């Protein structure tokens, strides 16, 4: 019995040593990633209180080349609260995210709750290179949108020439 245990233990040790030796080249090799980290970031606030009345908040990125734009990946983070207190008049509704091409997604938001949404975009110029956030269905939103853009990204001209994110106030026009 003792001899069988020694053989089993020696076999296990040999297998473990072989695994370590075969994994060593993998562990020491360099790992390449497309995005080493965000190069630019920005944010904008949305306040749909009756005294402020913002219409939307929007963020977008382009490559800067207007004749043949190339994909400019980004991540957009959205945090919105549907305020029903303080006489703001919020009701169960939606946080609407509308893409540059007009497609949209409505995220349900009950009154007096907060949602957080993260979206990866920017892969197709003219389609998802810009996102507008607004309310629908009676929600009164207060919150922010922020963006982290990859290297070489520039503000989307349909939104701003200087900022990745902007707010459309009560008298402004939503960009798209």
C-alpha atoms as a PDB file:
ATOM      1  CA  UNK A   1       0.000   0.000   0.000  1.00  0.00           C
ATOM      2  CA  UNK A   2       2.836   2.368   0.908  1.00  0.00           C
ATOM      3  CA  UNK A   3       4.568   1.657  -2.423  1.00  0.00           C
ATOM      4  CA  UNK A   4       1.344   2.350  -4.398  1.00  0.00           C
ATOM      5  CA  UNK A   5       0.936   5.683  -2.600  1.00  0.00           C
ATOM      6  CA  UNK A   6       4.527   6.671  -3.393  1.00  0.00           C
ATOM      7  CA  UNK A   7       4.009   5.839  -7.083  1.00  0.00           C
ATOM      8  CA  UNK A   8       0.736   7.793  -7.190  1.00  0.00           C
ATOM      9  CA  UNK A   9       2.348  10.773  -5.444  1.00  0.00           C
ATOM     10  CA  UNK A  10       5.353  10.692  -7.793  1.00  0.00           C
ATOM     11  CA  UNK A  11       3.018  10.578 -10.809  1.00  0.00           C
ATOM     12  CA  UNK A  12       1.037  13.564  -9.533  1.00  0.00           C
ATOM     13  CA  UNK A  13       4.205  15.575  -8.920  1.00  0.00           C
ATOM     14  CA  UNK A  14       5.474  14.794 -12.435  1.00  0.00           C
ATOM     15  CA  UNK A  15       2.159  15.919 -13.952  1.00  0.00           C
ATOM     16  CA  UNK A  16       2.170  19.137 -11.893  1.00  0.00           C
ATOM     17  CA  UNK A  17       5.766  19.919 -12.893  1.00  0.00           C
ATOM     18  CA  UNK A  18       4.998  19.261 -16.570  1.00  0.00           C
ATOM     19  CA  UNK A  19       1.999  21.618 -16.355  1.00  0.00           C
ATOM     20  CA  UNK A  20       4.104  24.386 -14.864  1.00  0.00           C
ATOM     21  CA  UNK A  21       6.817  23.984 -17.494  1.00  0.00           C
ATOM     22  CA  UNK A  22       4.297  23.992 -20.354  1.00  0.00           C
ATOM     23  CA  UNK A  23       2.456  27.069 -19.008  1.00  0.00           C
ATOM     24  CA  UNK A  24       5.602  29.109 -18.360  1.00  0.00           C
ATOM     25  CA  UNK A  25       5.950  30.396 -21.971  1.00  0.00           C
ATOM     26  CA  UNK A  26       2.265  31.471 -21.986  1.00  0.00           C
ATOM     27  CA  UNK A  27       2.549  33.294 -18.666  1.00  0.00           C
ATOM     28  CA  UNK A  28       5.652  35.181 -19.745  1.00  0.00           C
ATOM     29  CA  UNK A  29       4.347  36.253 -23.176  1.00  0.00           C
ATOM     30  CA  UNK A  30       2.977  39.753 -23.773  1.00  0.00           C
ATOM     31  CA  UNK A  31      -0.767  40.227 -23.998  1.00  0.00           C
ATOM     32  CA  UNK A  32      -1.970  42.774 -26.545  1.00  0.00           C
ATOM     33  CA  UNK A  33      -5.254  44.622 -26.181  1.00  0.00           C
ATOM     34  CA  UNK A  34      -7.065  47.010 -28.500  1.00  0.00           C
ATOM     35  CA  UNK A  35      -7.657  49.617 -25.796  1.00  0.00           C
ATOM     36  CA  UNK A  36      -4.947  49.999 -23.203  1.00  0.00           C
ATOM     37  CA  UNK A  37      -7.125  52.548 -21.424  1.00  0.00           C
ATOM     38  CA  UNK A  38      -9.279  55.547 -22.061  1.00  0.00           C
ATOM     39  CA  UNK A  39      -7.499  58.476 -23.600  1.00  0.00           C
ATOM     40  CA  UNK A  40     -10.302  61.025 -23.339  1.00  0.00           C
ATOM     41  CA  UNK A  41     -13.372  61.354 -21.159  1.00  0.00           C
ATOM     42  CA  UNK A  42     -16.208  63.814 -20.817  1.00  0.00           C
ATOM     43  CA  UNK A  43     -19.622  64.131 -19.190  1.00  0.00           C
ATOM     44  CA  UNK A  44     -22.775  66.218 -19.288  1.00  0.00           C
ATOM     45  CA  UNK A  45     -25.667  66.644 -16.872  1.00  0.00           C
ATOM     46  CA  UNK A  46     -29.390  66.350 -17.558  1.00  0.00           C
ATOM     47  CA  UNK A  47     -31.948  68.142 -15.374  1.00  0.00           C
ATOM     48  CA  UNK A  48     -35.562  67.950 -16.457  1.00  0.00           C
ATOM     49  CA  UNK A  49     -36.889  69.714 -13.340  1.00  0.00           C
ATOM     50  CA  UNK A  50     -39.583  72.251 -14.219  1.00  0.00           C
ATOM     51  CA  UNK A  51     -37.275  75.150 -13.339  1.00  0.00           C
ATOM     52  CA  UNK A  52     -34.506  73.875 -15.656  1.00  0.00           C
ATOM     53  CA  UNK A  53     -36.236  71.844 -18.345  1.00  0.00           C
ATOM     54  CA  UNK A  54     -33.289  70.280 -20.189  1.00  0.00           C
ATOM     55  CA  UNK A  55     -34.382  68.238 -23.219  1.00  0.00           C
ATOM     56  CA  UNK A  56     -31.532  65.765 -23.606  1.00  0.00           C
ATOM     57  CA  UNK A  57     -27.934  64.852 -22.970  1.00  0.00           C
ATOM     58  CA  UNK A  58     -25.793  63.364 -25.740  1.00  0.00           C
ATOM     59  CA  UNK A  59     -22.323  61.998 -26.347  1.00  0.00           C
ATOM     60  CA  UNK A  60     -20.473  60.958 -29.482  1.00  0.00           C
ATOM     61  CA  UNK A  61     -17.100  60.286 -31.068  1.00  0.00           C
ATOM     62  CA  UNK A  62     -15.731  60.362 -34.602  1.00  0.00           C
ATOM     63  CA  UNK A  63     -12.367  59.684 -36.193  1.00  0.00           C
ATOM     64  CA  UNK A  64     -12.251  63.289 -37.392  1.00  0.00           C
ATOM     65  CA  UNK A  65     -12.099  62.318 -41.065  1.00  0.00           C
ATOM     66  CA  UNK A  66     -15.320  63.677 -42.610  1.00  0.00           C
ATOM     67  CA  UNK A  67     -14.927  62.112 -46.062  1.00  0.00           C
ATOM     68  CA  UNK A  68     -14.276  58.526 -44.918  1.00  0.00           C
ATOM     69  CA  UNK A  69     -14.895  58.293 -41.179  1.00  0.00           C
ATOM     70  CA  UNK A  70     -13.570  55.186 -39.505  1.00  0.00           C
ATOM     71  CA  UNK A  71     -14.920  53.469 -36.385  1.00  0.00           C
ATOM     72  CA  UNK A  72     -14.102  55.254 -33.125  1.00  0.00           C
ATOM     73  CA  UNK A  73     -15.062  52.978 -30.237  1.00  0.00           C
ATOM     74  CA  UNK A  74     -16.282  54.421 -26.962  1.00  0.00           C
ATOM     75  CA  UNK A  75     -18.124  53.447 -23.807  1.00  0.00           C
ATOM     76  CA  UNK A  76     -20.992  55.600 -22.565  1.00  0.00           C
ATOM     77  CA  UNK A  77     -22.235  55.406 -18.979  1.00  0.00           C
ATOM     78  CA  UNK A  78     -25.687  56.745 -18.155  1.00  0.00           C
ATOM     79  CA  UNK A  79     -27.091  57.265 -14.666  1.00  0.00           C
ATOM     80  CA  UNK A  80     -30.616  58.673 -14.433  1.00  0.00           C
ATOM     81  CA  UNK A  81     -33.117  59.114 -11.613  1.00  0.00           C
ATOM     82  CA  UNK A  82     -36.836  59.481 -12.343  1.00  0.00           C
ATOM     83  CA  UNK A  83     -37.799  62.111  -9.779  1.00  0.00           C
ATOM     84  CA  UNK A  84     -41.335  62.088  -8.455  1.00  0.00           C
ATOM     85  CA  UNK A  85     -40.682  64.025  -5.265  1.00  0.00           C
ATOM     86  CA  UNK A  86     -40.555  67.781  -4.751  1.00  0.00           C
ATOM     87  CA  UNK A  87     -43.533  68.282  -7.047  1.00  0.00           C
ATOM     88  CA  UNK A  88     -41.533  67.388 -10.157  1.00  0.00           C
ATOM     89  CA  UNK A  89     -44.391  65.380 -11.630  1.00  0.00           C
ATOM     90  CA  UNK A  90     -42.400  62.267 -12.599  1.00  0.00           C
ATOM     91  CA  UNK A  91     -44.348  59.118 -13.457  1.00  0.00           C
ATOM     92  CA  UNK A  92     -43.389  55.612 -14.459  1.00  0.00           C
ATOM     93  CA  UNK A  93     -41.657  56.046 -17.792  1.00  0.00           C
ATOM     94  CA  UNK A  94     -38.538  55.361 -19.802  1.00  0.00           C
ATOM     95  CA  UNK A  95     -34.936  56.418 -20.297  1.00  0.00           C
ATOM     96  CA  UNK A  96     -34.678  56.583 -24.088  1.00  0.00           C
ATOM     97  CA  UNK A  97     -31.307  56.075 -25.783  1.00  0.00           C
ATOM     98  CA  UNK A  98     -31.467  57.113 -29.436  1.00  0.00           C
ATOM     99  CA  UNK A  99     -28.625  56.347 -31.798  1.00  0.00           C
ATOM    100  CA  UNK A 100     -27.362  58.623 -34.567  1.00  0.00           C
ATOM    101  CA  UNK A 101     -29.295  56.616 -37.191  1.00  0.00           C
ATOM    102  CA  UNK A 102     -32.596  57.082 -35.308  1.00  0.00           C
ATOM    103  CA  UNK A 103     -32.876  53.628 -33.744  1.00  0.00           C
ATOM    104  CA  UNK A 104     -33.736  53.772 -30.060  1.00  0.00           C
ATOM    105  CA  UNK A 105     -34.131  51.635 -26.960  1.00  0.00           C
ATOM    106  CA  UNK A 106     -36.478  52.519 -24.085  1.00  0.00           C
ATOM    107  CA  UNK A 107     -35.339  51.359 -20.627  1.00  0.00           C
ATOM    108  CA  UNK A 108     -38.212  51.231 -18.122  1.00  0.00           C
ATOM    109  CA  UNK A 109     -37.717  53.432 -15.071  1.00  0.00           C
ATOM    110  CA  UNK A 110     -40.337  53.507 -12.311  1.00  0.00           C
ATOM    111  CA  UNK A 111     -40.859  56.788 -10.491  1.00  0.00           C
ATOM    112  CA  UNK A 112     -38.370  57.476  -7.656  1.00  0.00           C
ATOM    113  CA  UNK A 113     -35.796  54.965  -8.899  1.00  0.00           C
ATOM    114  CA  UNK A 114     -32.397  55.167 -10.578  1.00  0.00           C
ATOM    115  CA  UNK A 115     -31.013  53.202 -13.531  1.00  0.00           C
ATOM    116  CA  UNK A 116     -27.426  52.809 -14.663  1.00  0.00           C
ATOM    117  CA  UNK A 117     -26.712  51.836 -18.249  1.00  0.00           C
ATOM    118  CA  UNK A 118     -23.356  51.193 -19.950  1.00  0.00           C
ATOM    119  CA  UNK A 119     -23.221  51.065 -23.735  1.00  0.00           C
ATOM    120  CA  UNK A 120     -20.340  50.164 -26.038  1.00  0.00           C
ATOM    121  CA  UNK A 121     -20.658  52.030 -29.341  1.00  0.00           C
ATOM    122  CA  UNK A 122     -18.798  53.789 -32.125  1.00  0.00           C
ATOM    123  CA  UNK A 123     -18.259  50.771 -34.351  1.00  0.00           C
ATOM    124  CA  UNK A 124     -20.257  52.123 -37.292  1.00  0.00           C
ATOM    125  CA  UNK A 125     -19.947  55.779 -38.335  1.00  0.00           C
ATOM    126  CA  UNK A 126     -23.334  57.421 -38.853  1.00  0.00           C
ATOM    127  CA  UNK A 127     -25.100  54.628 -36.988  1.00  0.00           C
ATOM    128  CA  UNK A 128     -23.822  54.376 -33.422  1.00  0.00           C
ATOM    129  CA  UNK A 129     -21.194  57.125 -33.286  1.00  0.00           C
ATOM    130  CA  UNK A 130     -23.546  59.289 -31.212  1.00  0.00           C
ATOM    131  CA  UNK A 131     -26.197  58.574 -28.579  1.00  0.00           C
ATOM    132  CA  UNK A 132     -28.889  60.946 -27.289  1.00  0.00           C
ATOM    133  CA  UNK A 133     -30.504  60.308 -23.894  1.00  0.00           C
ATOM    134  CA  UNK A 134     -33.908  61.719 -23.026  1.00  0.00           C
ATOM    135  CA  UNK A 135     -37.099  60.737 -21.240  1.00  0.00           C
ATOM    136  CA  UNK A 136     -40.269  59.165 -22.579  1.00  0.00           C
ATOM    137  CA  UNK A 137     -43.610  58.176 -21.125  1.00  0.00           C
ATOM    138  CA  UNK A 138     -43.797  60.818 -18.405  1.00  0.00           C
ATOM    139  CA  UNK A 139     -40.446  60.290 -16.662  1.00  0.00           C
ATOM    140  CA  UNK A 140     -38.698  63.390 -15.254  1.00  0.00           C
ATOM    141  CA  UNK A 141     -34.995  62.587 -15.406  1.00  0.00           C
ATOM    142  CA  UNK A 142     -32.085  64.014 -13.484  1.00  0.00           C
ATOM    143  CA  UNK A 143     -28.648  62.499 -13.998  1.00  0.00           C
ATOM    144  CA  UNK A 144     -25.566  62.382 -16.139  1.00  0.00           C
ATOM    145  CA  UNK A 145     -23.998  60.727 -19.142  1.00  0.00           C
ATOM    146  CA  UNK A 146     -20.258  60.193 -19.419  1.00  0.00           C
ATOM    147  CA  UNK A 147     -17.985  58.804 -22.082  1.00  0.00           C
ATOM    148  CA  UNK A 148     -14.534  57.294 -22.405  1.00  0.00           C
ATOM    149  CA  UNK A 149     -13.161  57.454 -25.926  1.00  0.00           C
ATOM    150  CA  UNK A 150     -10.328  55.533 -27.516  1.00  0.00           C
ATOM    151  CA  UNK A 151      -7.134  57.048 -28.838  1.00  0.00           C
ATOM    152  CA  UNK A 152      -7.592  59.353 -31.804  1.00  0.00           C
ATOM    153  CA  UNK A 153     -11.280  59.972 -31.166  1.00  0.00           C
ATOM    154  CA  UNK A 154     -12.651  63.475 -31.698  1.00  0.00           C
ATOM    155  CA  UNK A 155     -15.979  65.048 -30.682  1.00  0.00           C
ATOM    156  CA  UNK A 156     -18.815  64.188 -33.069  1.00  0.00           C
ATOM    157  CA  UNK A 157     -19.594  67.412 -35.032  1.00  0.00           C
ATOM    158  CA  UNK A 158     -23.355  66.726 -34.910  1.00  0.00           C
ATOM    159  CA  UNK A 159     -23.043  67.188 -31.123  1.00  0.00           C
ATOM    160  CA  UNK A 160     -20.183  69.651 -30.648  1.00  0.00           C
ATOM    161  CA  UNK A 161     -16.873  70.690 -32.150  1.00  0.00           C
ATOM    162  CA  UNK A 162     -15.200  70.869 -28.735  1.00  0.00           C
ATOM    163  CA  UNK A 163     -16.931  68.400 -26.349  1.00  0.00           C
ATOM    164  CA  UNK A 164     -17.701  64.694 -26.506  1.00  0.00           C
ATOM    165  CA  UNK A 165     -20.856  65.237 -24.386  1.00  0.00           C
ATOM    166  CA  UNK A 166     -23.350  68.125 -24.254  1.00  0.00           C
ATOM    167  CA  UNK A 167     -26.726  69.023 -22.781  1.00  0.00           C
ATOM    168  CA  UNK A 168     -29.586  70.385 -24.868  1.00  0.00           C
ATOM    169  CA  UNK A 169     -31.355  72.998 -22.774  1.00  0.00           C
ATOM    170  CA  UNK A 170     -35.069  73.895 -22.869  1.00  0.00           C
ATOM    171  CA  UNK A 171     -34.719  76.197 -25.882  1.00  0.00           C
ATOM    172  CA  UNK A 172     -32.149  74.165 -27.859  1.00  0.00           C
ATOM    173  CA  UNK A 173     -32.568  71.604 -30.613  1.00  0.00           C
ATOM    174  CA  UNK A 174     -31.705  67.966 -29.995  1.00  0.00           C
ATOM    175  CA  UNK A 175     -28.858  67.188 -32.457  1.00  0.00           C
ATOM    176  CA  UNK A 176     -30.347  64.091 -34.118  1.00  0.00           C
END
